[in-house]
């Protein structure tokens, strides 16, 4: 059933995109993925931070940004501040230290709302993949390329796949929510 496999591929991509987005949400622990959304003005264009520096976590509540080109230190610092992550980078002339402050209850709840919004966007992507493939199946049935029974079987498999991926999103959300709310 190539149509259902197309849907699986698209749903896998949506799930992976959601995982990457979840990784950018702060949990109180330092992780290089926190800075994945940071863009830096470098060499005449906005570049992702990971293309102009390495990010490491020498301790659980500290990120260290080591630029490949020291002339970009102030631009990197500005990029981290303007990314609106609630972080205050400290530039010592060679590297940038980014302390990760502990999260307060109010901020944790804001992050949980953000996670729910991201999860809903992931569900929308999955439903979109289902709708696209369902339309292809219905077109095959209409053009008499496959029988109605086969079309129904493919749609049932598609619905089961959609349900499975929705559950995967719910599991991801639950785990990340617990991680954010843990003190």
C-alpha atoms as a PDB file:
ATOM      1  CA  UNK A   1       0.000   0.000   0.000  1.00  0.00           C
ATOM      2  CA  UNK A   2       2.238   2.834  -1.213  1.00  0.00           C
ATOM      3  CA  UNK A   3      -0.252   5.543  -0.194  1.00  0.00           C
ATOM      4  CA  UNK A   4      -0.157   4.580   3.477  1.00  0.00           C
ATOM      5  CA  UNK A   5       3.646   4.451   3.349  1.00  0.00           C
ATOM      6  CA  UNK A   6       3.637   8.009   1.967  1.00  0.00           C
ATOM      7  CA  UNK A   7       1.560   9.059   4.947  1.00  0.00           C
ATOM      8  CA  UNK A   8       3.914   7.240   7.356  1.00  0.00           C
ATOM      9  CA  UNK A   9       6.892   9.115   5.884  1.00  0.00           C
ATOM     10  CA  UNK A  10       5.134  12.474   6.248  1.00  0.00           C
ATOM     11  CA  UNK A  11       3.997  11.656   9.784  1.00  0.00           C
ATOM     12  CA  UNK A  12       7.535  10.598  10.740  1.00  0.00           C
ATOM     13  CA  UNK A  13       8.790  13.958   9.491  1.00  0.00           C
ATOM     14  CA  UNK A  14       6.120  15.791  11.520  1.00  0.00           C
ATOM     15  CA  UNK A  15       7.034  13.812  14.648  1.00  0.00           C
ATOM     16  CA  UNK A  16      10.749  14.520  14.173  1.00  0.00           C
ATOM     17  CA  UNK A  17      10.060  18.228  13.690  1.00  0.00           C
ATOM     18  CA  UNK A  18       8.058  18.212  16.934  1.00  0.00           C
ATOM     19  CA  UNK A  19      10.939  16.503  18.777  1.00  0.00           C
ATOM     20  CA  UNK A  20      13.318  19.222  17.548  1.00  0.00           C
ATOM     21  CA  UNK A  21      10.905  21.951  18.664  1.00  0.00           C
ATOM     22  CA  UNK A  22      10.446  20.330  22.088  1.00  0.00           C
ATOM     23  CA  UNK A  23      14.241  20.238  22.507  1.00  0.00           C
ATOM     24  CA  UNK A  24      14.338  24.049  22.340  1.00  0.00           C
ATOM     25  CA  UNK A  25      12.031  24.394  25.370  1.00  0.00           C
ATOM     26  CA  UNK A  26      13.919  25.053  28.590  1.00  0.00           C
ATOM     27  CA  UNK A  27      13.584  22.593  31.433  1.00  0.00           C
ATOM     28  CA  UNK A  28      15.976  24.147  33.945  1.00  0.00           C
ATOM     29  CA  UNK A  29      18.802  21.913  32.719  1.00  0.00           C
ATOM     30  CA  UNK A  30      21.350  23.265  30.269  1.00  0.00           C
ATOM     31  CA  UNK A  31      21.263  21.641  26.833  1.00  0.00           C
ATOM     32  CA  UNK A  32      22.858  22.950  23.614  1.00  0.00           C
ATOM     33  CA  UNK A  33      19.478  22.564  21.853  1.00  0.00           C
ATOM     34  CA  UNK A  34      18.212  25.541  23.883  1.00  0.00           C
ATOM     35  CA  UNK A  35      20.168  27.818  21.555  1.00  0.00           C
ATOM     36  CA  UNK A  36      19.076  26.137  18.286  1.00  0.00           C
ATOM     37  CA  UNK A  37      16.678  28.989  17.506  1.00  0.00           C
ATOM     38  CA  UNK A  38      19.331  31.694  17.966  1.00  0.00           C
ATOM     39  CA  UNK A  39      20.309  33.568  14.795  1.00  0.00           C
ATOM     40  CA  UNK A  40      23.475  35.660  14.595  1.00  0.00           C
ATOM     41  CA  UNK A  41      24.307  38.551  12.250  1.00  0.00           C
ATOM     42  CA  UNK A  42      27.504  37.218  10.694  1.00  0.00           C
ATOM     43  CA  UNK A  43      29.211  37.853   7.388  1.00  0.00           C
ATOM     44  CA  UNK A  44      26.327  39.935   6.070  1.00  0.00           C
ATOM     45  CA  UNK A  45      23.464  37.552   6.864  1.00  0.00           C
ATOM     46  CA  UNK A  46      21.548  35.930   9.721  1.00  0.00           C
ATOM     47  CA  UNK A  47      23.122  32.567  10.489  1.00  0.00           C
ATOM     48  CA  UNK A  48      22.197  29.811  12.965  1.00  0.00           C
ATOM     49  CA  UNK A  49      24.381  29.952  16.079  1.00  0.00           C
ATOM     50  CA  UNK A  50      25.644  26.400  15.535  1.00  0.00           C
ATOM     51  CA  UNK A  51      27.228  27.502  12.232  1.00  0.00           C
ATOM     52  CA  UNK A  52      29.374  30.200  13.857  1.00  0.00           C
ATOM     53  CA  UNK A  53      30.161  28.610  17.246  1.00  0.00           C
ATOM     54  CA  UNK A  54      30.173  25.423  19.275  1.00  0.00           C
ATOM     55  CA  UNK A  55      27.834  25.139  22.237  1.00  0.00           C
ATOM     56  CA  UNK A  56      28.741  22.905  25.166  1.00  0.00           C
ATOM     57  CA  UNK A  57      27.410  22.187  28.648  1.00  0.00           C
ATOM     58  CA  UNK A  58      30.297  22.004  31.132  1.00  0.00           C
ATOM     59  CA  UNK A  59      27.822  21.861  34.045  1.00  0.00           C
ATOM     60  CA  UNK A  60      24.056  21.284  34.433  1.00  0.00           C
ATOM     61  CA  UNK A  61      23.170  24.977  34.714  1.00  0.00           C
ATOM     62  CA  UNK A  62      25.685  26.527  32.296  1.00  0.00           C
ATOM     63  CA  UNK A  63      26.106  26.706  28.528  1.00  0.00           C
ATOM     64  CA  UNK A  64      29.412  27.776  26.992  1.00  0.00           C
ATOM     65  CA  UNK A  65      29.493  29.244  23.485  1.00  0.00           C
ATOM     66  CA  UNK A  66      32.894  29.090  21.763  1.00  0.00           C
ATOM     67  CA  UNK A  67      32.877  31.138  18.515  1.00  0.00           C
ATOM     68  CA  UNK A  68      34.889  29.922  15.533  1.00  0.00           C
ATOM     69  CA  UNK A  69      35.755  33.578  14.853  1.00  0.00           C
ATOM     70  CA  UNK A  70      36.355  35.764  17.941  1.00  0.00           C
ATOM     71  CA  UNK A  71      35.254  38.884  16.029  1.00  0.00           C
ATOM     72  CA  UNK A  72      31.684  37.536  16.247  1.00  0.00           C
ATOM     73  CA  UNK A  73      31.567  37.457  20.067  1.00  0.00           C
ATOM     74  CA  UNK A  74      29.437  40.582  20.455  1.00  0.00           C
ATOM     75  CA  UNK A  75      27.097  39.542  17.607  1.00  0.00           C
ATOM     76  CA  UNK A  76      26.613  36.116  19.214  1.00  0.00           C
ATOM     77  CA  UNK A  77      25.934  37.742  22.582  1.00  0.00           C
ATOM     78  CA  UNK A  78      23.393  40.089  20.952  1.00  0.00           C
ATOM     79  CA  UNK A  79      21.769  37.149  19.129  1.00  0.00           C
ATOM     80  CA  UNK A  80      21.297  35.199  22.371  1.00  0.00           C
ATOM     81  CA  UNK A  81      19.783  38.236  24.117  1.00  0.00           C
ATOM     82  CA  UNK A  82      17.431  39.048  21.238  1.00  0.00           C
ATOM     83  CA  UNK A  83      16.231  35.416  20.936  1.00  0.00           C
ATOM     84  CA  UNK A  84      13.903  36.123  23.887  1.00  0.00           C
ATOM     85  CA  UNK A  85      14.865  32.979  25.785  1.00  0.00           C
ATOM     86  CA  UNK A  86      15.184  34.733  29.144  1.00  0.00           C
ATOM     87  CA  UNK A  87      18.935  34.146  29.194  1.00  0.00           C
ATOM     88  CA  UNK A  88      21.697  36.612  30.080  1.00  0.00           C
ATOM     89  CA  UNK A  89      24.967  35.753  28.312  1.00  0.00           C
ATOM     90  CA  UNK A  90      28.302  36.879  29.778  1.00  0.00           C
ATOM     91  CA  UNK A  91      31.114  37.669  27.320  1.00  0.00           C
ATOM     92  CA  UNK A  92      34.654  37.329  28.738  1.00  0.00           C
ATOM     93  CA  UNK A  93      36.502  38.181  25.509  1.00  0.00           C
ATOM     94  CA  UNK A  94      37.133  34.551  24.478  1.00  0.00           C
ATOM     95  CA  UNK A  95      33.914  32.659  25.152  1.00  0.00           C
ATOM     96  CA  UNK A  96      30.343  33.422  26.156  1.00  0.00           C
ATOM     97  CA  UNK A  97      28.971  31.843  29.296  1.00  0.00           C
ATOM     98  CA  UNK A  98      25.201  31.473  29.493  1.00  0.00           C
ATOM     99  CA  UNK A  99      23.944  30.619  32.982  1.00  0.00           C
ATOM    100  CA  UNK A 100      20.609  28.797  32.977  1.00  0.00           C
ATOM    101  CA  UNK A 101      18.489  30.194  35.803  1.00  0.00           C
ATOM    102  CA  UNK A 102      16.113  27.861  37.644  1.00  0.00           C
ATOM    103  CA  UNK A 103      12.545  28.079  36.393  1.00  0.00           C
ATOM    104  CA  UNK A 104       9.838  29.522  38.617  1.00  0.00           C
ATOM    105  CA  UNK A 105       6.332  28.012  38.716  1.00  0.00           C
ATOM    106  CA  UNK A 106       4.795  30.697  36.498  1.00  0.00           C
ATOM    107  CA  UNK A 107       7.450  30.258  33.806  1.00  0.00           C
ATOM    108  CA  UNK A 108       7.028  26.454  33.924  1.00  0.00           C
ATOM    109  CA  UNK A 109       3.298  26.849  33.278  1.00  0.00           C
ATOM    110  CA  UNK A 110       4.021  29.172  30.337  1.00  0.00           C
ATOM    111  CA  UNK A 111       6.343  26.533  28.893  1.00  0.00           C
ATOM    112  CA  UNK A 112       3.668  23.847  29.309  1.00  0.00           C
ATOM    113  CA  UNK A 113       1.211  26.034  27.351  1.00  0.00           C
ATOM    114  CA  UNK A 114       3.846  26.461  24.658  1.00  0.00           C
ATOM    115  CA  UNK A 115       4.394  22.679  24.556  1.00  0.00           C
ATOM    116  CA  UNK A 116       0.649  22.102  24.118  1.00  0.00           C
ATOM    117  CA  UNK A 117       0.608  24.600  21.234  1.00  0.00           C
ATOM    118  CA  UNK A 118       3.584  22.853  19.584  1.00  0.00           C
ATOM    119  CA  UNK A 119       1.913  19.449  20.033  1.00  0.00           C
ATOM    120  CA  UNK A 120      -1.281  20.723  18.411  1.00  0.00           C
ATOM    121  CA  UNK A 121       0.751  21.974  15.435  1.00  0.00           C
ATOM    122  CA  UNK A 122       2.257  18.476  15.192  1.00  0.00           C
ATOM    123  CA  UNK A 123      -1.235  16.920  15.240  1.00  0.00           C
ATOM    124  CA  UNK A 124      -2.308  19.325  12.488  1.00  0.00           C
ATOM    125  CA  UNK A 125       0.657  18.199  10.354  1.00  0.00           C
ATOM    126  CA  UNK A 126      -0.342  14.582  10.885  1.00  0.00           C
ATOM    127  CA  UNK A 127      -3.983  15.266   9.975  1.00  0.00           C
ATOM    128  CA  UNK A 128      -2.808  17.146   6.901  1.00  0.00           C
ATOM    129  CA  UNK A 129      -0.748  14.112   5.806  1.00  0.00           C
ATOM    130  CA  UNK A 130      -3.822  11.892   6.375  1.00  0.00           C
ATOM    131  CA  UNK A 131      -6.073  14.213   4.363  1.00  0.00           C
ATOM    132  CA  UNK A 132      -3.610  14.385   1.454  1.00  0.00           C
ATOM    133  CA  UNK A 133      -3.236  10.594   1.234  1.00  0.00           C
ATOM    134  CA  UNK A 134      -6.975  10.014   1.758  1.00  0.00           C
ATOM    135  CA  UNK A 135      -7.678  12.300  -1.233  1.00  0.00           C
ATOM    136  CA  UNK A 136      -5.190  10.278  -3.310  1.00  0.00           C
ATOM    137  CA  UNK A 137      -6.922   7.020  -2.304  1.00  0.00           C
ATOM    138  CA  UNK A 138     -10.367   8.424  -3.144  1.00  0.00           C
ATOM    139  CA  UNK A 139      -9.051   9.557  -6.534  1.00  0.00           C
ATOM    140  CA  UNK A 140      -7.740   6.029  -7.229  1.00  0.00           C
ATOM    141  CA  UNK A 141     -11.157   4.582  -6.333  1.00  0.00           C
ATOM    142  CA  UNK A 142     -12.962   7.184  -8.443  1.00  0.00           C
ATOM    143  CA  UNK A 143     -10.690   6.490 -11.437  1.00  0.00           C
ATOM    144  CA  UNK A 144     -11.308   2.726 -10.935  1.00  0.00           C
ATOM    145  CA  UNK A 145      -7.577   2.060 -10.443  1.00  0.00           C
ATOM    146  CA  UNK A 146      -8.363   0.227  -7.214  1.00  0.00           C
ATOM    147  CA  UNK A 147     -11.628  -1.266  -5.980  1.00  0.00           C
ATOM    148  CA  UNK A 148     -13.820   0.274  -3.295  1.00  0.00           C
ATOM    149  CA  UNK A 149     -12.949  -2.511  -0.846  1.00  0.00           C
ATOM    150  CA  UNK A 150      -9.223  -1.925  -1.347  1.00  0.00           C
ATOM    151  CA  UNK A 151      -9.780   1.831  -0.970  1.00  0.00           C
ATOM    152  CA  UNK A 152     -11.636   1.244   2.290  1.00  0.00           C
ATOM    153  CA  UNK A 153      -8.850  -1.056   3.546  1.00  0.00           C
ATOM    154  CA  UNK A 154      -6.255   1.606   2.765  1.00  0.00           C
ATOM    155  CA  UNK A 155      -8.324   4.310   4.479  1.00  0.00           C
ATOM    156  CA  UNK A 156      -8.722   2.086   7.561  1.00  0.00           C
ATOM    157  CA  UNK A 157      -4.955   1.507   7.650  1.00  0.00           C
ATOM    158  CA  UNK A 158      -4.473   5.267   7.244  1.00  0.00           C
ATOM    159  CA  UNK A 159      -6.835   6.002  10.158  1.00  0.00           C
ATOM    160  CA  UNK A 160      -5.013   3.496  12.384  1.00  0.00           C
ATOM    161  CA  UNK A 161      -1.673   5.076  11.428  1.00  0.00           C
ATOM    162  CA  UNK A 162      -3.009   8.558  12.213  1.00  0.00           C
ATOM    163  CA  UNK A 163      -4.246   7.349  15.602  1.00  0.00           C
ATOM    164  CA  UNK A 164      -0.853   5.742  16.366  1.00  0.00           C
ATOM    165  CA  UNK A 165       1.018   8.945  15.535  1.00  0.00           C
ATOM    166  CA  UNK A 166      -1.395  11.060  17.573  1.00  0.00           C
ATOM    167  CA  UNK A 167      -0.659   8.798  20.537  1.00  0.00           C
ATOM    168  CA  UNK A 168       3.088   9.206  19.939  1.00  0.00           C
ATOM    169  CA  UNK A 169       2.641  12.987  20.071  1.00  0.00           C
ATOM    170  CA  UNK A 170       0.636  12.676  23.296  1.00  0.00           C
ATOM    171  CA  UNK A 171       3.406  10.517  24.826  1.00  0.00           C
ATOM    172  CA  UNK A 172       6.102  13.008  23.765  1.00  0.00           C
ATOM    173  CA  UNK A 173       4.056  15.860  25.216  1.00  0.00           C
ATOM    174  CA  UNK A 174       3.461  14.042  28.499  1.00  0.00           C
ATOM    175  CA  UNK A 175       7.177  13.255  28.961  1.00  0.00           C
ATOM    176  CA  UNK A 176       8.296  16.779  28.099  1.00  0.00           C
ATOM    177  CA  UNK A 177       5.611  18.280  30.348  1.00  0.00           C
ATOM    178  CA  UNK A 178       6.835  16.155  33.274  1.00  0.00           C
ATOM    179  CA  UNK A 179      10.407  17.219  32.522  1.00  0.00           C
ATOM    180  CA  UNK A 180       9.441  20.933  32.532  1.00  0.00           C
ATOM    181  CA  UNK A 181       7.358  20.678  35.709  1.00  0.00           C
ATOM    182  CA  UNK A 182      10.028  18.711  37.637  1.00  0.00           C
ATOM    183  CA  UNK A 183      11.818  20.925  40.111  1.00  0.00           C
END
